[in-house]
Amino acid sequence: MKLAFLLWLAQMLPQPVSDPLCLATTVYLEARNQSELGQWAVAEVALRRLESGRWGHSVCAVVTAPRQFAPTLVSPGFRIKNLKAWNKAVEVAFASLRQWSQPVQDRLQVVPGADHFYATSVEQPAWAQGVPVAQIGDHRFYRVARL
């Protein structure tokens, strides 16, 4: 299935029904080759950004904000081919959304406070200063002061 189709489908579905689809797509694109913990961390960053309200008021708005997450950086023609990884991303997305609906004190947080991450396979972004909150697999997670 193509990325363009998934993003189109997410636009057609009502909120909040589309949020798990957008989150699963992001987890797949950003972390399908990472551990489950790494996938949870990516989802957590997106959900923390949603909670802040600075990047949008739905998961779909957050993960499709320009140049923030893979759905806007990967070619729309990209095909999701690894069904095992897709199913895991869907599982992580639904579980993360359930977890994030809990009161703050009851949430399992993998990367507390982190609202940014980057893959170490790319050049370190200018915002990635200081000590990361965590490194999981080949992703570094940061809490970034207002940009």
Protein backbone atom coordinates (compact mmCIF):
# COMPACT_ATOMS: atom_id res chain seq x y z
CA MET A 1 0.00 0.00 0.00
CA LYS A 2 1.27 3.47 -0.83
CA LEU A 3 1.94 6.23 1.65
CA ALA A 4 -0.22 8.59 -0.42
CA PHE A 5 -3.20 6.23 0.00
CA LEU A 6 -2.75 6.05 3.77
CA LEU A 7 -2.53 9.83 4.09
CA TRP A 8 -5.58 10.26 1.83
CA LEU A 9 -7.52 7.72 3.89
CA ALA A 10 -6.57 9.53 7.10
CA GLN A 11 -7.99 12.76 5.64
CA MET A 12 -11.25 11.02 4.76
CA LEU A 13 -11.79 9.44 8.16
CA PRO A 14 -13.33 11.52 10.95
CA GLN A 15 -11.32 12.54 13.99
CA PRO A 16 -10.25 10.83 16.18
CA VAL A 17 -10.69 7.66 14.07
CA SER A 18 -7.82 8.69 11.78
CA ASP A 19 -5.31 9.24 14.60
CA PRO A 20 -4.25 5.57 15.01
CA LEU A 21 -3.69 5.34 11.25
CA CYS A 22 -1.52 8.46 11.22
CA LEU A 23 0.43 7.32 14.29
CA ALA A 24 0.96 3.80 12.90
CA THR A 25 2.18 5.26 9.61
CA THR A 26 4.66 7.45 11.47
CA VAL A 27 5.90 4.62 13.68
CA TYR A 28 6.35 2.42 10.60
CA LEU A 29 8.20 5.05 8.59
CA GLU A 30 10.38 6.27 11.46
CA ALA A 31 11.08 3.09 13.41
CA ARG A 32 10.02 -0.12 11.68
CA ASN A 33 13.58 -1.42 11.97
CA GLN A 34 13.84 -0.51 15.67
CA SER A 35 12.91 -2.41 18.81
CA GLU A 36 9.38 -2.21 20.16
CA LEU A 37 10.72 0.16 22.84
CA GLY A 38 12.09 2.41 20.11
CA GLN A 39 8.73 2.38 18.35
CA TRP A 40 6.97 3.29 21.60
CA ALA A 41 9.40 6.19 22.04
CA VAL A 42 8.64 7.56 18.56
CA ALA A 43 4.90 7.35 19.27
CA GLU A 44 5.42 9.03 22.63
CA VAL A 45 7.17 12.02 21.01
CA ALA A 46 4.25 12.49 18.61
CA LEU A 47 1.71 12.23 21.43
CA ARG A 48 3.67 14.63 23.63
CA ARG A 49 3.67 17.12 20.76
CA LEU A 50 -0.09 16.67 20.40
CA GLU A 51 -0.56 17.33 24.09
CA SER A 52 1.50 20.54 23.86
CA GLY A 53 -0.75 21.89 21.10
CA ARG A 54 2.19 23.57 19.35
CA TRP A 55 2.21 21.23 16.35
CA GLY A 56 -1.52 20.61 15.87
CA HIS A 57 -4.68 19.44 17.58
CA SER A 58 -4.83 15.90 16.24
CA VAL A 59 -2.22 13.20 15.82
CA CYS A 60 -2.62 13.51 12.06
CA ALA A 61 -1.96 17.26 12.17
CA VAL A 62 1.12 16.72 14.36
CA VAL A 63 2.73 14.02 12.23
CA THR A 64 1.99 15.79 8.95
CA ALA A 65 3.27 19.19 10.11
CA PRO A 66 5.83 20.23 7.49
CA ARG A 67 9.26 18.61 7.88
CA GLN A 68 8.59 17.23 11.36
CA PHE A 69 8.00 13.50 10.81
CA ALA A 70 8.55 11.00 8.02
CA PRO A 71 5.03 11.25 6.48
CA THR A 72 6.03 14.65 5.08
CA LEU A 73 9.61 13.69 4.28
CA VAL A 74 9.13 10.38 2.47
CA SER A 75 7.93 10.23 -1.13
CA PRO A 76 4.14 9.80 -1.37
CA GLY A 77 4.86 6.91 -3.72
CA PHE A 78 6.65 5.00 -0.94
CA ARG A 79 5.14 1.53 -0.54
CA ILE A 80 4.57 -0.13 2.79
CA LYS A 81 5.76 -3.64 2.02
CA ASN A 82 6.72 -5.22 5.34
CA LEU A 83 3.36 -6.39 6.68
CA LYS A 84 4.85 -7.80 9.87
CA ALA A 85 6.41 -4.40 10.65
CA TRP A 86 3.17 -2.62 9.65
CA ASN A 87 1.13 -4.82 12.02
CA LYS A 88 3.60 -4.10 14.85
CA ALA A 89 3.38 -0.34 14.12
CA VAL A 90 -0.43 -0.54 14.28
CA GLU A 91 -0.23 -2.44 17.57
CA VAL A 92 2.18 0.13 19.02
CA ALA A 93 0.01 3.03 17.80
CA PHE A 94 -3.18 1.72 19.42
CA ALA A 95 -1.39 0.79 22.65
CA SER A 96 0.35 4.18 22.80
CA LEU A 97 -2.91 6.04 22.29
CA ARG A 98 -4.54 3.99 25.08
CA GLN A 99 -1.57 4.65 27.35
CA TRP A 100 -1.58 8.38 26.56
CA SER A 101 -5.29 8.65 27.42
CA GLN A 102 -4.39 7.84 31.04
CA PRO A 103 -3.77 10.58 33.60
CA VAL A 104 -0.20 11.89 33.32
CA GLN A 105 0.91 10.24 36.57
CA ASP A 106 -0.31 6.83 35.35
CA ARG A 107 1.36 6.85 31.93
CA LEU A 108 4.28 4.65 31.09
CA GLN A 109 6.83 7.07 29.64
CA VAL A 110 9.74 5.66 27.68
CA VAL A 111 11.42 9.00 26.95
CA PRO A 112 10.10 11.41 29.62
CA GLY A 113 9.89 14.96 28.36
CA ALA A 114 11.27 14.20 24.89
CA ASP A 115 9.55 16.10 22.10
CA HIS A 116 12.16 15.59 19.37
CA PHE A 117 14.26 12.74 18.04
CA TYR A 118 16.54 12.02 15.15
CA ALA A 119 18.12 8.96 13.61
CA THR A 120 21.86 8.81 14.11
CA SER A 121 22.20 7.75 10.47
CA VAL A 122 21.55 11.37 9.44
CA GLU A 123 23.47 14.53 10.26
CA GLN A 124 22.81 15.81 13.77
CA PRO A 125 20.24 18.63 13.61
CA ALA A 126 21.10 22.04 15.06
CA TRP A 127 18.40 21.68 17.73
CA ALA A 128 20.04 18.49 19.11
CA GLN A 129 22.14 20.13 21.81
CA GLY A 130 23.17 18.83 25.20
CA VAL A 131 22.54 15.41 26.60
CA PRO A 132 19.69 13.43 25.05
CA VAL A 133 16.88 12.12 27.23
CA ALA A 134 17.64 8.68 25.80
CA GLN A 135 19.16 6.78 22.94
CA ILE A 136 17.15 3.78 21.82
CA GLY A 137 18.51 1.87 18.87
CA ASP A 138 19.73 4.42 16.37
CA HIS A 139 17.44 7.23 17.56
CA ARG A 140 18.36 9.97 20.03
CA PHE A 141 15.52 11.63 21.93
CA TYR A 142 15.67 15.21 23.23
CA ARG A 143 13.63 17.66 25.19
CA VAL A 144 14.04 20.83 23.18
CA ALA A 145 13.46 24.31 24.55
CA ARG A 146 11.08 26.32 22.42
CA LEU A 147 12.57 26.76 18.98
